[in-house]
Amino acid sequence: MAYSSLTLTSNEPTTLNTPIYLQSKDVLLGTYYASFVSGLDIIPVAASLDTNGFVIAVVPEIILGQSYVFLTKDNSGNLTNSNIIAPEFFLTLCLSRLN
């Protein structure tokens, strides 16, 4: 099965509770989720599309260290061929910003 490519376009360090901006080479229609994979946990979060075509999703608090993110059709937490819209993108999370 051929998937759309996925690129991280955020300029800031990736931290918890901050939005990430992803770009897919294909036009995205309908409802979709950013499914974060950290260890054995799969955490789907609602994603939205901005006016420039970027997918925006907020990194959930439960994500730790090096993780992956997939675009999926639903929030079931299942990563199957029929559910994945765009394959994983590897993320390394930075420590939370210090105030």
PDB file of N, CA and C in Angstrom:
ATOM      1  N   MET A   1       0.841  -1.174   0.000  1.00  0.00           N
ATOM      2  CA  MET A   1       0.000   0.000   0.000  1.00  0.00           C
ATOM      3  C   MET A   1       0.888   1.239   0.000  1.00  0.00           C
ATOM      4  N   ALA A   2       0.596   2.200  -0.853  1.00  0.00           N
ATOM      5  CA  ALA A   2       1.369   3.434  -0.924  1.00  0.00           C
ATOM      6  C   ALA A   2       0.752   4.485  -0.014  1.00  0.00           C
ATOM      7  N   TYR A   3       1.593   5.076   0.823  1.00  0.00           N
ATOM      8  CA  TYR A   3       1.144   6.122   1.736  1.00  0.00           C
ATOM      9  C   TYR A   3       1.691   7.461   1.291  1.00  0.00           C
ATOM     10  N   SER A   4       1.011   8.492   1.714  1.00  0.00           N
ATOM     11  CA  SER A   4       1.505   9.844   1.512  1.00  0.00           C
ATOM     12  C   SER A   4       2.719  10.057   2.407  1.00  0.00           C
ATOM     13  N   SER A   5       3.674  10.866   1.959  1.00  0.00           N
ATOM     14  CA  SER A   5       4.815  11.163   2.821  1.00  0.00           C
ATOM     15  C   SER A   5       4.406  12.197   3.865  1.00  0.00           C
ATOM     16  N   LEU A   6       5.138  12.239   4.959  1.00  0.00           N
ATOM     17  CA  LEU A   6       4.840  13.128   6.063  1.00  0.00           C
ATOM     18  C   LEU A   6       6.126  13.827   6.471  1.00  0.00           C
ATOM     19  N   THR A   7       6.076  15.167   6.591  1.00  0.00           N
ATOM     20  CA  THR A   7       7.246  15.956   6.929  1.00  0.00           C
ATOM     21  C   THR A   7       6.925  16.868   8.103  1.00  0.00           C
ATOM     22  N   LEU A   8       7.818  16.932   9.075  1.00  0.00           N
ATOM     23  CA  LEU A   8       7.668  17.861  10.189  1.00  0.00           C
ATOM     24  C   LEU A   8       8.151  19.229   9.736  1.00  0.00           C
ATOM     25  N   THR A   9       7.310  20.255   9.882  1.00  0.00           N
ATOM     26  CA  THR A   9       7.685  21.596   9.430  1.00  0.00           C
ATOM     27  C   THR A   9       7.791  22.594  10.573  1.00  0.00           C
ATOM     28  N   SER A  10       7.590  22.145  11.812  1.00  0.00           N
ATOM     29  CA  SER A  10       7.713  23.029  12.973  1.00  0.00           C
ATOM     30  C   SER A  10       9.149  23.511  13.090  1.00  0.00           C
ATOM     31  N   ASN A  11       9.311  24.780  13.455  1.00  0.00           N
ATOM     32  CA  ASN A  11      10.649  25.342  13.614  1.00  0.00           C
ATOM     33  C   ASN A  11      11.147  25.279  15.045  1.00  0.00           C
ATOM     34  N   GLU A  12      10.258  25.177  16.005  1.00  0.00           N
ATOM     35  CA  GLU A  12      10.639  25.189  17.408  1.00  0.00           C
ATOM     36  C   GLU A  12      10.961  23.774  17.875  1.00  0.00           C
ATOM     37  N   PRO A  13      11.672  23.648  19.002  1.00  0.00           N
ATOM     38  CA  PRO A  13      11.888  22.299  19.559  1.00  0.00           C
ATOM     39  C   PRO A  13      10.546  21.648  19.892  1.00  0.00           C
ATOM     40  N   THR A  14      10.475  20.355  19.728  1.00  0.00           N
ATOM     41  CA  THR A  14       9.244  19.622  20.011  1.00  0.00           C
ATOM     42  C   THR A  14       9.190  19.322  21.501  1.00  0.00           C
ATOM     43  N   THR A  15       8.161  19.863  22.163  1.00  0.00           N
ATOM     44  CA  THR A  15       7.988  19.657  23.593  1.00  0.00           C
ATOM     45  C   THR A  15       6.541  19.258  23.873  1.00  0.00           C
ATOM     46  N   LEU A  16       6.288  18.799  25.082  1.00  0.00           N
ATOM     47  CA  LEU A  16       4.942  18.400  25.475  1.00  0.00           C
ATOM     48  C   LEU A  16       3.990  19.586  25.448  1.00  0.00           C
ATOM     49  N   ASN A  17       2.750  19.320  25.103  1.00  0.00           N
ATOM     50  CA  ASN A  17       1.681  20.328  25.072  1.00  0.00           C
ATOM     51  C   ASN A  17       1.933  21.468  24.092  1.00  0.00           C
ATOM     52  N   THR A  18       2.771  21.248  23.104  1.00  0.00           N
ATOM     53  CA  THR A  18       2.985  22.266  22.078  1.00  0.00           C
ATOM     54  C   THR A  18       2.537  21.707  20.732  1.00  0.00           C
ATOM     55  N   PRO A  19       2.076  22.584  19.853  1.00  0.00           N
ATOM     56  CA  PRO A  19       1.638  22.090  18.550  1.00  0.00           C
ATOM     57  C   PRO A  19       2.830  21.734  17.663  1.00  0.00           C
ATOM     58  N   ILE A  20       2.639  20.706  16.863  1.00  0.00           N
ATOM     59  CA  ILE A  20       3.590  20.403  15.798  1.00  0.00           C
ATOM     60  C   ILE A  20       2.870  20.626  14.477  1.00  0.00           C
ATOM     61  N   TYR A  21       3.618  20.991  13.471  1.00  0.00           N
ATOM     62  CA  TYR A  21       3.072  21.225  12.142  1.00  0.00           C
ATOM     63  C   TYR A  21       3.662  20.180  11.213  1.00  0.00           C
ATOM     64  N   LEU A  22       2.777  19.435  10.577  1.00  0.00           N
ATOM     65  CA  LEU A  22       3.179  18.372   9.663  1.00  0.00           C
ATOM     66  C   LEU A  22       2.662  18.692   8.276  1.00  0.00           C
ATOM     67  N   GLN A  23       3.364  18.246   7.267  1.00  0.00           N
ATOM     68  CA  GLN A  23       2.914  18.446   5.898  1.00  0.00           C
ATOM     69  C   GLN A  23       2.889  17.105   5.181  1.00  0.00           C
ATOM     70  N   SER A  24       1.779  16.871   4.504  1.00  0.00           N
ATOM     71  CA  SER A  24       1.618  15.661   3.708  1.00  0.00           C
ATOM     72  C   SER A  24       1.752  16.053   2.246  1.00  0.00           C
ATOM     73  N   LYS A  25       2.343  15.171   1.443  1.00  0.00           N
ATOM     74  CA  LYS A  25       2.485  15.505   0.020  1.00  0.00           C
ATOM     75  C   LYS A  25       1.145  15.440  -0.703  1.00  0.00           C
ATOM     76  N   ASP A  26       0.183  14.716  -0.129  1.00  0.00           N
ATOM     77  CA  ASP A  26      -1.144  14.605  -0.726  1.00  0.00           C
ATOM     78  C   ASP A  26      -2.131  15.522  -0.017  1.00  0.00           C
ATOM     79  N   VAL A  27      -3.186  15.881  -0.705  1.00  0.00           N
ATOM     80  CA  VAL A  27      -4.248  16.686  -0.115  1.00  0.00           C
ATOM     81  C   VAL A  27      -5.023  15.814   0.863  1.00  0.00           C
ATOM     82  N   LEU A  28      -5.243  16.322   2.063  1.00  0.00           N
ATOM     83  CA  LEU A  28      -5.971  15.584   3.084  1.00  0.00           C
ATOM     84  C   LEU A  28      -7.404  16.072   3.168  1.00  0.00           C
ATOM     85  N   LEU A  29      -8.325  15.146   3.169  1.00  0.00           N
ATOM     86  CA  LEU A  29      -9.744  15.475   3.284  1.00  0.00           C
ATOM     87  C   LEU A  29     -10.345  14.673   4.417  1.00  0.00           C
ATOM     88  N   GLY A  30     -11.376  15.202   5.029  1.00  0.00           N
ATOM     89  CA  GLY A  30     -12.081  14.465   6.070  1.00  0.00           C
ATOM     90  C   GLY A  30     -11.459  14.637   7.438  1.00  0.00           C
ATOM     91  N   THR A  31     -11.786  13.700   8.315  1.00  0.00           N
ATOM     92  CA  THR A  31     -11.301  13.715   9.691  1.00  0.00           C
ATOM     93  C   THR A  31     -10.072  12.834   9.807  1.00  0.00           C
ATOM     94  N   TYR A  32      -9.105  13.275  10.566  1.00  0.00           N
ATOM     95  CA  TYR A  32      -7.902  12.484  10.764  1.00  0.00           C
ATOM     96  C   TYR A  32      -7.302  12.825  12.115  1.00  0.00           C
ATOM     97  N   TYR A  33      -6.407  11.965  12.549  1.00  0.00           N
ATOM     98  CA  TYR A  33      -5.792  12.082  13.859  1.00  0.00           C
ATOM     99  C   TYR A  33      -4.286  11.914  13.741  1.00  0.00           C
ATOM    100  N   ALA A  34      -3.557  12.540  14.651  1.00  0.00           N
ATOM    101  CA  ALA A  34      -2.129  12.299  14.789  1.00  0.00           C
ATOM    102  C   ALA A  34      -2.006  11.245  15.880  1.00  0.00           C
ATOM    103  N   SER A  35      -1.539  10.076  15.523  1.00  0.00           N
ATOM    104  CA  SER A  35      -1.387   8.985  16.486  1.00  0.00           C
ATOM    105  C   SER A  35       0.077   8.887  16.887  1.00  0.00           C
ATOM    106  N   PHE A  36       0.357   9.270  18.123  1.00  0.00           N
ATOM    107  CA  PHE A  36       1.711   9.273  18.655  1.00  0.00           C
ATOM    108  C   PHE A  36       2.014   7.902  19.251  1.00  0.00           C
ATOM    109  N   VAL A  37       3.201   7.379  18.950  1.00  0.00           N
ATOM    110  CA  VAL A  37       3.626   6.088  19.482  1.00  0.00           C
ATOM    111  C   VAL A  37       4.861   6.332  20.346  1.00  0.00           C
ATOM    112  N   SER A  38       4.724   6.002  21.624  1.00  0.00           N
ATOM    113  CA  SER A  38       5.810   6.173  22.579  1.00  0.00           C
ATOM    114  C   SER A  38       5.897   4.897  23.399  1.00  0.00           C
ATOM    115  N   GLY A  39       6.983   4.159  23.242  1.00  0.00           N
ATOM    116  CA  GLY A  39       7.085   2.860  23.900  1.00  0.00           C
ATOM    117  C   GLY A  39       5.995   1.947  23.361  1.00  0.00           C
ATOM    118  N   LEU A  40       5.173   1.390  24.247  1.00  0.00           N
ATOM    119  CA  LEU A  40       4.069   0.533  23.825  1.00  0.00           C
ATOM    120  C   LEU A  40       2.747   1.287  23.762  1.00  0.00           C
ATOM    121  N   ASP A  41       2.765   2.575  24.042  1.00  0.00           N
ATOM    122  CA  ASP A  41       1.543   3.379  24.047  1.00  0.00           C
ATOM    123  C   ASP A  41       1.289   4.011  22.684  1.00  0.00           C
ATOM    124  N   ILE A  42       0.029   3.974  22.266  1.00  0.00           N
ATOM    125  CA  ILE A  42      -0.414   4.683  21.060  1.00  0.00           C
ATOM    126  C   ILE A  42      -1.468   5.682  21.511  1.00  0.00           C
ATOM    127  N   ILE A  43      -1.178   6.968  21.326  1.00  0.00           N
ATOM    128  CA  ILE A  43      -2.055   8.024  21.804  1.00  0.00           C
ATOM    129  C   ILE A  43      -2.525   8.861  20.615  1.00  0.00           C
ATOM    130  N   PRO A  44      -3.767   8.647  20.163  1.00  0.00           N
ATOM    131  CA  PRO A  44      -4.291   9.458  19.063  1.00  0.00           C
ATOM    132  C   PRO A  44      -4.834  10.783  19.588  1.00  0.00           C
ATOM    133  N   VAL A  45      -4.546  11.867  18.884  1.00  0.00           N
ATOM    134  CA  VAL A  45      -5.098  13.183  19.216  1.00  0.00           C
ATOM    135  C   VAL A  45      -5.699  13.780  17.947  1.00  0.00           C
ATOM    136  N   ALA A  46      -6.739  14.554  18.133  1.00  0.00           N
ATOM    137  CA  ALA A  46      -7.381  15.206  16.985  1.00  0.00           C
ATOM    138  C   ALA A  46      -6.384  16.136  16.303  1.00  0.00           C
ATOM    139  N   ALA A  47      -6.409  16.133  14.993  1.00  0.00           N
ATOM    140  CA  ALA A  47      -5.546  17.016  14.203  1.00  0.00           C
ATOM    141  C   ALA A  47      -6.425  17.925  13.371  1.00  0.00           C
ATOM    142  N   SER A  48      -5.892  19.070  13.020  1.00  0.00           N
ATOM    143  CA  SER A  48      -6.642  19.999  12.172  1.00  0.00           C
ATOM    144  C   SER A  48      -5.749  20.453  11.027  1.00  0.00           C
ATOM    145  N   LEU A  49      -6.367  21.033  10.047  1.00  0.00           N
ATOM    146  CA  LEU A  49      -5.661  21.518   8.871  1.00  0.00           C
ATOM    147  C   LEU A  49      -5.739  23.032   8.857  1.00  0.00           C
ATOM    148  N   ASP A  50      -4.596  23.719   8.746  1.00  0.00           N
ATOM    149  CA  ASP A  50      -4.640  25.176   8.687  1.00  0.00           C
ATOM    150  C   ASP A  50      -4.819  25.636   7.242  1.00  0.00           C
ATOM    151  N   THR A  51      -4.914  26.928   7.042  1.00  0.00           N
ATOM    152  CA  THR A  51      -5.206  27.466   5.711  1.00  0.00           C
ATOM    153  C   THR A  51      -4.069  27.257   4.725  1.00  0.00           C
ATOM    154  N   ASN A  52      -2.868  26.949   5.204  1.00  0.00           N
ATOM    155  CA  ASN A  52      -1.727  26.694   4.322  1.00  0.00           C
ATOM    156  C   ASN A  52      -1.544  25.214   4.014  1.00  0.00           C
ATOM    157  N   GLY A  53      -2.460  24.376   4.516  1.00  0.00           N
ATOM    158  CA  GLY A  53      -2.383  22.949   4.244  1.00  0.00           C
ATOM    159  C   GLY A  53      -1.539  22.162   5.217  1.00  0.00           C
ATOM    160  N   PHE A  54      -1.122  22.780   6.322  1.00  0.00           N
ATOM    161  CA  PHE A  54      -0.335  22.080   7.329  1.00  0.00           C
ATOM    162  C   PHE A  54      -1.263  21.401   8.325  1.00  0.00           C
ATOM    163  N   VAL A  55      -0.898  20.201   8.727  1.00  0.00           N
ATOM    164  CA  VAL A  55      -1.623  19.472   9.765  1.00  0.00           C
ATOM    165  C   VAL A  55      -1.066  19.923  11.106  1.00  0.00           C
ATOM    166  N   ILE A  56      -1.967  20.289  12.025  1.00  0.00           N
ATOM    167  CA  ILE A  56      -1.550  20.749  13.345  1.00  0.00           C
ATOM    168  C   ILE A  56      -2.079  19.773  14.388  1.00  0.00           C
ATOM    169  N   ALA A  57      -1.191  19.345  15.282  1.00  0.00           N
ATOM    170  CA  ALA A  57      -1.580  18.469  16.392  1.00  0.00           C
ATOM    171  C   ALA A  57      -0.749  18.849  17.607  1.00  0.00           C
ATOM    172  N   VAL A  58      -1.353  18.767  18.780  1.00  0.00           N
ATOM    173  CA  VAL A  58      -0.650  19.083  20.025  1.00  0.00           C
ATOM    174  C   VAL A  58      -0.047  17.800  20.590  1.00  0.00           C
ATOM    175  N   VAL A  59       1.228  17.872  20.944  1.00  0.00           N
ATOM    176  CA  VAL A  59       1.925  16.710  21.504  1.00  0.00           C
ATOM    177  C   VAL A  59       1.341  16.406  22.888  1.00  0.00           C
ATOM    178  N   PRO A  60       0.806  15.194  23.097  1.00  0.00           N
ATOM    179  CA  PRO A  60       0.200  14.870  24.390  1.00  0.00           C
ATOM    180  C   PRO A  60       1.239  14.730  25.507  1.00  0.00           C
ATOM    181  N   GLU A  61       0.783  14.940  26.746  1.00  0.00           N
ATOM    182  CA  GLU A  61       1.673  14.901  27.911  1.00  0.00           C
ATOM    183  C   GLU A  61       2.302  13.547  28.170  1.00  0.00           C
ATOM    184  N   ILE A  62       1.689  12.486  27.719  1.00  0.00           N
ATOM    185  CA  ILE A  62       2.166  11.135  28.029  1.00  0.00           C
ATOM    186  C   ILE A  62       3.358  10.704  27.162  1.00  0.00           C
ATOM    187  N   ILE A  63       3.637  11.443  26.111  1.00  0.00           N
ATOM    188  CA  ILE A  63       4.731  11.083  25.198  1.00  0.00           C
ATOM    189  C   ILE A  63       6.081  11.320  25.877  1.00  0.00           C
ATOM    190  N   LEU A  64       6.986  10.354  25.729  1.00  0.00           N
ATOM    191  CA  LEU A  64       8.315  10.461  26.331  1.00  0.00           C
ATOM    192  C   LEU A  64       9.401  10.195  25.307  1.00  0.00           C
ATOM    193  N   GLY A  65      10.465  10.975  25.358  1.00  0.00           N
ATOM    194  CA  GLY A  65      11.673  10.719  24.567  1.00  0.00           C
ATOM    195  C   GLY A  65      11.444  10.610  23.077  1.00  0.00           C
ATOM    196  N   GLN A  66      12.003   9.581  22.495  1.00  0.00           N
ATOM    197  CA  GLN A  66      11.900   9.385  21.053  1.00  0.00           C
ATOM    198  C   GLN A  66      10.594   8.677  20.735  1.00  0.00           C
ATOM    199  N   SER A  67       9.825   9.274  19.852  1.00  0.00           N
ATOM    200  CA  SER A  67       8.485   8.775  19.538  1.00  0.00           C
ATOM    201  C   SER A  67       8.235   8.881  18.040  1.00  0.00           C
ATOM    202  N   TYR A  68       7.124   8.300  17.623  1.00  0.00           N
ATOM    203  CA  TYR A  68       6.704   8.351  16.231  1.00  0.00           C
ATOM    204  C   TYR A  68       5.313   8.968  16.165  1.00  0.00           C
ATOM    205  N   VAL A  69       4.997   9.550  15.027  1.00  0.00           N
ATOM    206  CA  VAL A  69       3.641  10.048  14.812  1.00  0.00           C
ATOM    207  C   VAL A  69       3.172   9.593  13.434  1.00  0.00           C
ATOM    208  N   PHE A  70       1.951   9.081  13.384  1.00  0.00           N
ATOM    209  CA  PHE A  70       1.294   8.645  12.151  1.00  0.00           C
ATOM    210  C   PHE A  70       0.044   9.512  11.971  1.00  0.00           C
ATOM    211  N   LEU A  71      -0.384   9.728  10.757  1.00  0.00           N
ATOM    212  CA  LEU A  71      -1.711  10.283  10.523  1.00  0.00           C
ATOM    213  C   LEU A  71      -2.646   9.115  10.290  1.00  0.00           C
ATOM    214  N   THR A  72      -3.746   9.076  11.057  1.00  0.00           N
ATOM    215  CA  THR A  72      -4.685   7.965  10.967  1.00  0.00           C
ATOM    216  C   THR A  72      -6.102   8.464  10.733  1.00  0.00           C
ATOM    217  N   LYS A  73      -6.961   7.572  10.274  1.00  0.00           N
ATOM    218  CA  LYS A  73      -8.350   7.912   9.955  1.00  0.00           C
ATOM    219  C   LYS A  73      -9.244   8.030  11.176  1.00  0.00           C
ATOM    220  N   ASP A  74      -8.841   7.387  12.305  1.00  0.00           N
ATOM    221  CA  ASP A  74      -9.677   7.453  13.499  1.00  0.00           C
ATOM    222  C   ASP A  74      -8.818   7.474  14.752  1.00  0.00           C
ATOM    223  N   ASN A  75      -9.486   7.542  15.896  1.00  0.00           N
ATOM    224  CA  ASN A  75      -8.758   7.610  17.165  1.00  0.00           C
ATOM    225  C   ASN A  75      -8.804   6.282  17.928  1.00  0.00           C
ATOM    226  N   SER A  76      -8.845   5.183  17.201  1.00  0.00           N
ATOM    227  CA  SER A  76      -8.945   3.855  17.816  1.00  0.00           C
ATOM    228  C   SER A  76      -7.646   3.405  18.483  1.00  0.00           C
ATOM    229  N   GLY A  77      -6.524   3.984  18.082  1.00  0.00           N
ATOM    230  CA  GLY A  77      -5.241   3.525  18.594  1.00  0.00           C
ATOM    231  C   GLY A  77      -4.705   2.324  17.839  1.00  0.00           C
ATOM    232  N   ASN A  78      -5.379   1.935  16.756  1.00  0.00           N
ATOM    233  CA  ASN A  78      -4.918   0.823  15.920  1.00  0.00           C
ATOM    234  C   ASN A  78      -4.118   1.368  14.746  1.00  0.00           C
ATOM    235  N   LEU A  79      -2.972   0.787  14.507  1.00  0.00           N
ATOM    236  CA  LEU A  79      -2.147   1.180  13.365  1.00  0.00           C
ATOM    237  C   LEU A  79      -2.155   0.037  12.363  1.00  0.00           C
ATOM    238  N   THR A  80      -3.107   0.104  11.432  1.00  0.00           N
ATOM    239  CA  THR A  80      -3.258  -0.926  10.416  1.00  0.00           C
ATOM    240  C   THR A  80      -3.193  -0.279   9.036  1.00  0.00           C
ATOM    241  N   ASN A  81      -2.984  -1.083   8.010  1.00  0.00           N
ATOM    242  CA  ASN A  81      -2.925  -0.549   6.642  1.00  0.00           C
ATOM    243  C   ASN A  81      -4.176   0.230   6.270  1.00  0.00           C
ATOM    244  N   SER A  82      -5.326  -0.220   6.736  1.00  0.00           N
ATOM    245  CA  SER A  82      -6.570   0.461   6.377  1.00  0.00           C
ATOM    246  C   SER A  82      -6.794   1.734   7.179  1.00  0.00           C
ATOM    247  N   ASN A  83      -6.058   1.932   8.257  1.00  0.00           N
ATOM    248  CA  ASN A  83      -6.251   3.080   9.131  1.00  0.00           C
ATOM    249  C   ASN A  83      -5.219   4.187   8.929  1.00  0.00           C
ATOM    250  N   ILE A  84      -4.055   3.853   8.425  1.00  0.00           N
ATOM    251  CA  ILE A  84      -2.965   4.824   8.293  1.00  0.00           C
ATOM    252  C   ILE A  84      -3.134   5.645   7.017  1.00  0.00           C
ATOM    253  N   ILE A  85      -3.104   6.963   7.176  1.00  0.00           N
ATOM    254  CA  ILE A  85      -3.157   7.880   6.031  1.00  0.00           C
ATOM    255  C   ILE A  85      -1.745   8.218   5.584  1.00  0.00           C
ATOM    256  N   ALA A  86      -0.875   8.530   6.540  1.00  0.00           N
ATOM    257  CA  ALA A  86       0.520   8.852   6.239  1.00  0.00           C
ATOM    258  C   ALA A  86       1.393   8.131   7.257  1.00  0.00           C
ATOM    259  N   PRO A  87       2.535   7.612   6.809  1.00  0.00           N
ATOM    260  CA  PRO A  87       3.382   6.818   7.688  1.00  0.00           C
ATOM    261  C   PRO A  87       4.057   7.665   8.751  1.00  0.00           C
ATOM    262  N   GLU A  88       4.789   6.977   9.589  1.00  0.00           N
ATOM    263  CA  GLU A  88       5.377   7.615  10.746  1.00  0.00           C
ATOM    264  C   GLU A  88       6.409   8.677  10.417  1.00  0.00           C
ATOM    265  N   PHE A  89       6.493   9.610  11.342  1.00  0.00           N
ATOM    266  CA  PHE A  89       7.580  10.580  11.353  1.00  0.00           C
ATOM    267  C   PHE A  89       8.211  10.467  12.724  1.00  0.00           C
ATOM    268  N   PHE A  90       9.515  10.406  12.783  1.00  0.00           N
ATOM    269  CA  PHE A  90      10.239  10.212  14.035  1.00  0.00           C
ATOM    270  C   PHE A  90      10.414  11.545  14.750  1.00  0.00           C
ATOM    271  N   LEU A  91      10.066  11.601  16.034  1.00  0.00           N
ATOM    272  CA  LEU A  91      10.212  12.812  16.839  1.00  0.00           C
ATOM    273  C   LEU A  91      11.148  12.538  18.009  1.00  0.00           C
ATOM    274  N   THR A  92      11.958  13.516  18.348  1.00  0.00           N
ATOM    275  CA  THR A  92      12.701  13.477  19.593  1.00  0.00           C
ATOM    276  C   THR A  92      12.216  14.661  20.407  1.00  0.00           C
ATOM    277  N   LEU A  93      11.634  14.385  21.554  1.00  0.00           N
ATOM    278  CA  LEU A  93      11.081  15.446  22.381  1.00  0.00           C
ATOM    279  C   LEU A  93      12.157  16.062  23.247  1.00  0.00           C
ATOM    280  N   CYS A  94      12.127  17.388  23.335  1.00  0.00           N
ATOM    281  CA  CYS A  94      13.037  18.118  24.207  1.00  0.00           C
ATOM    282  C   CYS A  94      12.399  18.226  25.575  1.00  0.00           C
ATOM    283  N   LEU A  95      13.201  18.481  26.578  1.00  0.00           N
ATOM    284  CA  LEU A  95      12.657  18.730  27.905  1.00  0.00           C
ATOM    285  C   LEU A  95      11.765  19.962  27.845  1.00  0.00           C
ATOM    286  N   SER A  96      10.784  20.023  28.700  1.00  0.00           N
ATOM    287  CA  SER A  96       9.890  21.178  28.741  1.00  0.00           C
ATOM    288  C   SER A  96      10.695  22.452  28.903  1.00  0.00           C
ATOM    289  N   ARG A  97      10.186  23.510  28.310  1.00  0.00           N
ATOM    290  CA  ARG A  97      10.869  24.805  28.414  1.00  0.00           C
ATOM    291  C   ARG A  97      10.876  25.277  29.856  1.00  0.00           C
ATOM    292  N   LEU A  98      11.968  25.858  30.259  1.00  0.00           N
ATOM    293  CA  LEU A  98      12.080  26.403  31.599  1.00  0.00           C
ATOM    294  C   LEU A  98      11.610  27.851  31.586  1.00  0.00           C
ATOM    295  N   ASN A  99      10.879  28.233  32.603  1.00  0.00           N
ATOM    296  CA  ASN A  99      10.396  29.620  32.683  1.00  0.00           C
ATOM    297  C   ASN A  99      11.360  30.461  33.489  1.00  0.00           C
TER     298      ASN A  99
END
